Amino acid sequence: MKKLLSIAIEHYSLISLIATFISFAYMFFFLNKPALNAFLLSFLTWGVGVRCLVAFAANWVPPFSDQIAEAYGWPLGSSFQREIASADAAFGLLGILCNWFAGEFWTATLFGVSCYWFLSELKGLLTIRKRQRDPTYSVKSSLHAGMGIDFVSSIVIFFCLIIRYFNVDFSF
């Protein structure tokens, strides 16, 4: 059980992405929700809500928090890491609340989380790239995958918001 939990936490970004697409498919094909709304609600629930709550736990609870700190080169028990965990908890709750609040609440949540992810992952990638010059430093591929998912998701969110806000029509 402990091994399964460790694998789930190590790959939570990928798992939440898969859950997002399963939820989207269910809402779109079985509940006949409009595609953009089905995708955004699925993403807000799984990709932001559940994923950020797991990220909160992973950054707050040892031994997972210690592994993350080590991967980034942070001191163990850093108050900075607790601040990251707190931001993850806040966005996680906002993502879950999107199931009950719609409209501009979704927009604000998406703008906030995309800004948070884009800037934090950009800084994280630059820090890791700088530290990789040290031959004793190594990063798990799951960390790179999670950072990549956040980085790409923030860009996709931005374009979804533009489509939703400006009612862009892609039909020719």
Foldseek 3Di string as FASTA:
>chain_A
DVVVVVVCLLQVQVVLVVQLVVQLCCCCVPVVDPNLVSNLLSCLQRVQQVSLLSLLCQCPDPPSVVVVCVLQVHDPPDVVSNVSSVVSNVLNVLSNCCVPDDDVSSVVSLLVQLVVLQVVLVVSVVSNVVVVVPVVHDHDVSVVVSSVSSNVSSVVSVVSCCCVVVVDDPDD
